[in-house]
Amino acid sequence: MRRRVLVVDDEADFLATYERLLGRQGYEVVTATSRAAGLAALAGEAPHLVISDLRLPDGDGLDVVRAACGAREPVPVIVVTGYPSDETRRAALAAGATMFLSKPFTAAVLLAAIRSSMNGTGARAT
């Protein structure tokens, strides 16, 4: 069974990159471009991992983090942002994110974060 990754990001270029990169790695990729769509996909798609941007057009990506981590079967979450700060890193990790990545990052960094998060060895910032 292919592992399903939900990517929540409002930037089309990033979504296309995630789909291409993760698809090549054998992941099934589900995308959402807003907080609301991300929450709906989280409930309907049963992802194995969530990658969520913090700044979304209709709200805070931390809502997606909290929903994923608070689910009956918690889902690991990697938070990505183009506006990193110590405060946002702490907030993301406190909400339950397993990893915090600052944009831009390399494909190798993302893939390592995915492997770490899915194996339960996350909870760090880069």
C-alpha atoms as a PDB file:
ATOM      1  CA  MET A   1       0.000   0.000   0.000  1.00  0.00           C
ATOM      2  CA  ARG A   2       1.327   3.419  -0.945  1.00  0.00           C
ATOM      3  CA  ARG A   3       1.663   5.907   1.874  1.00  0.00           C
ATOM      4  CA  ARG A   4      -0.558   8.960   1.475  1.00  0.00           C
ATOM      5  CA  VAL A   5       0.813  12.446   2.140  1.00  0.00           C
ATOM      6  CA  LEU A   6      -1.480  15.448   2.490  1.00  0.00           C
ATOM      7  CA  VAL A   7       0.201  18.696   1.456  1.00  0.00           C
ATOM      8  CA  VAL A   8      -1.490  21.946   2.512  1.00  0.00           C
ATOM      9  CA  ASP A   9       0.037  24.989   0.806  1.00  0.00           C
ATOM     10  CA  ASP A  10      -1.462  27.895  -1.119  1.00  0.00           C
ATOM     11  CA  GLU A  11       1.473  28.265  -3.522  1.00  0.00           C
ATOM     12  CA  ALA A  12       0.843  26.328  -6.737  1.00  0.00           C
ATOM     13  CA  ASP A  13       4.567  26.008  -7.545  1.00  0.00           C
ATOM     14  CA  PHE A  14       5.257  24.368  -4.192  1.00  0.00           C
ATOM     15  CA  LEU A  15       2.323  21.978  -4.591  1.00  0.00           C
ATOM     16  CA  ALA A  16       3.535  20.934  -8.041  1.00  0.00           C
ATOM     17  CA  THR A  17       7.036  20.362  -6.669  1.00  0.00           C
ATOM     18  CA  TYR A  18       5.741  18.290  -3.757  1.00  0.00           C
ATOM     19  CA  GLU A  19       3.573  16.208  -6.086  1.00  0.00           C
ATOM     20  CA  ARG A  20       6.427  15.558  -8.491  1.00  0.00           C
ATOM     21  CA  LEU A  21       9.060  14.821  -5.838  1.00  0.00           C
ATOM     22  CA  LEU A  22       6.897  12.700  -3.565  1.00  0.00           C
ATOM     23  CA  GLY A  23       5.262  10.891  -6.471  1.00  0.00           C
ATOM     24  CA  ARG A  24       8.717   9.817  -7.675  1.00  0.00           C
ATOM     25  CA  GLN A  25       9.365   8.441  -4.192  1.00  0.00           C
ATOM     26  CA  GLY A  26       6.241   6.289  -4.369  1.00  0.00           C
ATOM     27  CA  TYR A  27       3.951   8.407  -2.181  1.00  0.00           C
ATOM     28  CA  GLU A  28       0.352   9.145  -3.041  1.00  0.00           C
ATOM     29  CA  VAL A  29      -0.030  12.926  -2.764  1.00  0.00           C
ATOM     30  CA  VAL A  30      -3.243  14.732  -1.850  1.00  0.00           C
ATOM     31  CA  THR A  31      -3.145  18.531  -2.003  1.00  0.00           C
ATOM     32  CA  ALA A  32      -5.133  21.332  -0.428  1.00  0.00           C
ATOM     33  CA  THR A  33      -4.712  25.074  -0.971  1.00  0.00           C
ATOM     34  CA  SER A  34      -6.411  26.379   2.169  1.00  0.00           C
ATOM     35  CA  ARG A  35      -6.933  25.694   5.855  1.00  0.00           C
ATOM     36  CA  ALA A  36     -10.537  24.578   5.248  1.00  0.00           C
ATOM     37  CA  ALA A  37      -9.600  22.282   2.376  1.00  0.00           C
ATOM     38  CA  GLY A  38      -6.729  20.871   4.421  1.00  0.00           C
ATOM     39  CA  LEU A  39      -9.015  20.079   7.350  1.00  0.00           C
ATOM     40  CA  ALA A  40     -11.548  18.452   5.000  1.00  0.00           C
ATOM     41  CA  ALA A  41      -8.836  16.369   3.304  1.00  0.00           C
ATOM     42  CA  LEU A  42      -7.435  15.362   6.679  1.00  0.00           C
ATOM     43  CA  ALA A  43     -10.842  13.990   7.643  1.00  0.00           C
ATOM     44  CA  GLY A  44     -11.634  12.391   4.287  1.00  0.00           C
ATOM     45  CA  GLU A  45      -8.332  11.127   2.925  1.00  0.00           C
ATOM     46  CA  ALA A  46      -6.762   9.397   5.971  1.00  0.00           C
ATOM     47  CA  PRO A  47      -3.192  10.531   5.238  1.00  0.00           C
ATOM     48  CA  HIS A  48      -0.158   8.897   6.802  1.00  0.00           C
ATOM     49  CA  LEU A  49       1.628  12.276   6.977  1.00  0.00           C
ATOM     50  CA  VAL A  50       0.713  15.941   6.635  1.00  0.00           C
ATOM     51  CA  ILE A  51       2.959  18.708   5.318  1.00  0.00           C
ATOM     52  CA  SER A  52       1.422  22.100   6.080  1.00  0.00           C
ATOM     53  CA  ASP A  53       2.399  25.674   5.472  1.00  0.00           C
ATOM     54  CA  LEU A  54       1.710  28.048   8.365  1.00  0.00           C
ATOM     55  CA  ARG A  55       0.302  30.972   6.414  1.00  0.00           C
ATOM     56  CA  LEU A  56      -2.817  30.004   4.525  1.00  0.00           C
ATOM     57  CA  PRO A  57      -5.310  32.318   2.830  1.00  0.00           C
ATOM     58  CA  ASP A  58      -8.159  31.438   5.191  1.00  0.00           C
ATOM     59  CA  GLY A  59      -6.340  30.995   8.478  1.00  0.00           C
ATOM     60  CA  ASP A  60      -3.545  29.470  10.433  1.00  0.00           C
ATOM     61  CA  GLY A  61      -1.852  26.246   9.387  1.00  0.00           C
ATOM     62  CA  LEU A  62      -1.511  25.412  13.070  1.00  0.00           C
ATOM     63  CA  ASP A  63      -5.207  24.469  12.986  1.00  0.00           C
ATOM     64  CA  VAL A  64      -4.273  21.709  10.540  1.00  0.00           C
ATOM     65  CA  VAL A  65      -1.429  20.624  12.836  1.00  0.00           C
ATOM     66  CA  ARG A  66      -3.719  20.460  15.869  1.00  0.00           C
ATOM     67  CA  ALA A  67      -6.389  18.530  13.966  1.00  0.00           C
ATOM     68  CA  ALA A  68      -3.879  15.986  12.645  1.00  0.00           C
ATOM     69  CA  CYS A  69      -2.178  15.514  15.998  1.00  0.00           C
ATOM     70  CA  GLY A  70      -5.451  15.407  17.909  1.00  0.00           C
ATOM     71  CA  ALA A  71      -7.115  12.835  15.676  1.00  0.00           C
ATOM     72  CA  ARG A  72      -8.187   9.449  17.047  1.00  0.00           C
ATOM     73  CA  GLU A  73      -5.138   8.082  15.243  1.00  0.00           C
ATOM     74  CA  PRO A  74      -2.642  10.977  15.301  1.00  0.00           C
ATOM     75  CA  VAL A  75      -0.905  11.815  12.038  1.00  0.00           C
ATOM     76  CA  PRO A  76       2.647  13.206  12.013  1.00  0.00           C
ATOM     77  CA  VAL A  77       2.938  16.742  10.637  1.00  0.00           C
ATOM     78  CA  ILE A  78       5.824  18.609   9.064  1.00  0.00           C
ATOM     79  CA  VAL A  79       5.336  22.363   9.211  1.00  0.00           C
ATOM     80  CA  VAL A  80       6.926  24.501   6.495  1.00  0.00           C
ATOM     81  CA  THR A  81       7.099  28.266   6.359  1.00  0.00           C
ATOM     82  CA  GLY A  82       8.733  31.033   4.447  1.00  0.00           C
ATOM     83  CA  TYR A  83       8.495  33.230   7.555  1.00  0.00           C
ATOM     84  CA  PRO A  84      10.418  31.336  10.227  1.00  0.00           C
ATOM     85  CA  SER A  85      11.004  32.649  13.714  1.00  0.00           C
ATOM     86  CA  ASP A  86      11.698  31.138  17.108  1.00  0.00           C
ATOM     87  CA  GLU A  87       8.108  31.931  18.051  1.00  0.00           C
ATOM     88  CA  THR A  88       6.575  30.129  15.057  1.00  0.00           C
ATOM     89  CA  ARG A  89       8.913  27.149  15.528  1.00  0.00           C
ATOM     90  CA  ARG A  90       7.939  26.834  19.197  1.00  0.00           C
ATOM     91  CA  ALA A  91       4.237  27.221  18.376  1.00  0.00           C
ATOM     92  CA  ALA A  92       4.385  24.552  15.663  1.00  0.00           C
ATOM     93  CA  LEU A  93       6.219  22.057  17.855  1.00  0.00           C
ATOM     94  CA  ALA A  94       3.921  22.824  20.806  1.00  0.00           C
ATOM     95  CA  ALA A  95       0.911  22.131  18.560  1.00  0.00           C
ATOM     96  CA  GLY A  96       2.376  18.700  17.848  1.00  0.00           C
ATOM     97  CA  ALA A  97       4.408  19.101  14.648  1.00  0.00           C
ATOM     98  CA  THR A  98       7.155  16.520  14.322  1.00  0.00           C
ATOM     99  CA  MET A  99       9.366  18.769  12.198  1.00  0.00           C
ATOM    100  CA  PHE A 100       9.669  22.458  11.313  1.00  0.00           C
ATOM    101  CA  LEU A 101      11.291  23.414   8.009  1.00  0.00           C
ATOM    102  CA  SER A 102      12.127  26.899   6.784  1.00  0.00           C
ATOM    103  CA  LYS A 103      11.579  27.581   3.079  1.00  0.00           C
ATOM    104  CA  PRO A 104      13.536  27.182   0.957  1.00  0.00           C
ATOM    105  CA  PHE A 105      14.829  23.696   1.702  1.00  0.00           C
ATOM    106  CA  THR A 106      16.315  20.980  -0.465  1.00  0.00           C
ATOM    107  CA  ALA A 107      14.592  17.836  -1.647  1.00  0.00           C
ATOM    108  CA  ALA A 108      17.035  15.821   0.459  1.00  0.00           C
ATOM    109  CA  VAL A 109      16.062  17.741   3.613  1.00  0.00           C
ATOM    110  CA  LEU A 110      12.353  17.252   2.902  1.00  0.00           C
ATOM    111  CA  LEU A 111      12.718  13.533   2.207  1.00  0.00           C
ATOM    112  CA  ALA A 112      14.774  13.056   5.381  1.00  0.00           C
ATOM    113  CA  ALA A 113      12.104  14.917   7.367  1.00  0.00           C
ATOM    114  CA  ILE A 114       9.383  12.712   5.874  1.00  0.00           C
ATOM    115  CA  ARG A 115      11.249   9.509   6.711  1.00  0.00           C
ATOM    116  CA  SER A 116      11.987  10.751  10.227  1.00  0.00           C
ATOM    117  CA  SER A 117       8.402  11.839  10.845  1.00  0.00           C
ATOM    118  CA  MET A 118       6.901   8.607   9.554  1.00  0.00           C
ATOM    119  CA  ASN A 119       9.319   6.588  11.669  1.00  0.00           C
ATOM    120  CA  GLY A 120       8.455   8.523  14.800  1.00  0.00           C
ATOM    121  CA  THR A 121      11.875  10.135  15.198  1.00  0.00           C
ATOM    122  CA  GLY A 122      10.867  13.732  14.382  1.00  0.00           C
ATOM    123  CA  ALA A 123      10.425  16.734  16.719  1.00  0.00           C
ATOM    124  CA  ARG A 124      13.190  18.968  15.537  1.00  0.00           C
ATOM    125  CA  ALA A 125      13.582  22.162  13.592  1.00  0.00           C
ATOM    126  CA  THR A 126      15.669  22.907  10.533  1.00  0.00           C
END
